[in-house]
């Protein structure tokens, strides 16, 4: 049975997950700067490019969802108390949309990781391609980290969706 504390806990975890994405983006960006300007080897210069792109992606996702977490929490707690049918109308639709987007990002991340691994093995025997090797290693690591992160987020959202569905299954929409 869904309760106010379940809603509060979900959005607190949601906020912490996206704060983690922000911190991860900062660490990745600093690492990319160090690779790009601090190290002179081509391997690290190649590794810096995907790090920059994933840092920007994680930063945008982290900021937008971190800012929305409190607003969504307040709306859902209010709806839980006064308008439970709105949980079915608004929140269930939002969670389904979120799950669709999380699935998309999860599978894209897996495809990026697998493609990077294949490209790395293709260039493994060739000489003077350190730049591409660095690029593919970095892409593989970022794709894997992204896939794991979005898998965890997706699983928590599925549990939350199940609780909302159970709570609202006997509520008639006016």
Foldseek 3Di string as FASTA:
>chain_A
DDDLVLLVVLLVVQLVLLVVLLVQLVVLLVQLCCLCPVDDDLLSVLLSVVSNVSSVVSNVSSVVSNVCSVVVSVVCSVCVPPPLVVCVVPVLVVLVVVLVVLVVLLVVLVVQLVVLVVVLVVCVPPPPVSSSNSNSVNSNVSSVVSNVSSVVNNVSSVVVSVVSCVVCVPPDDD
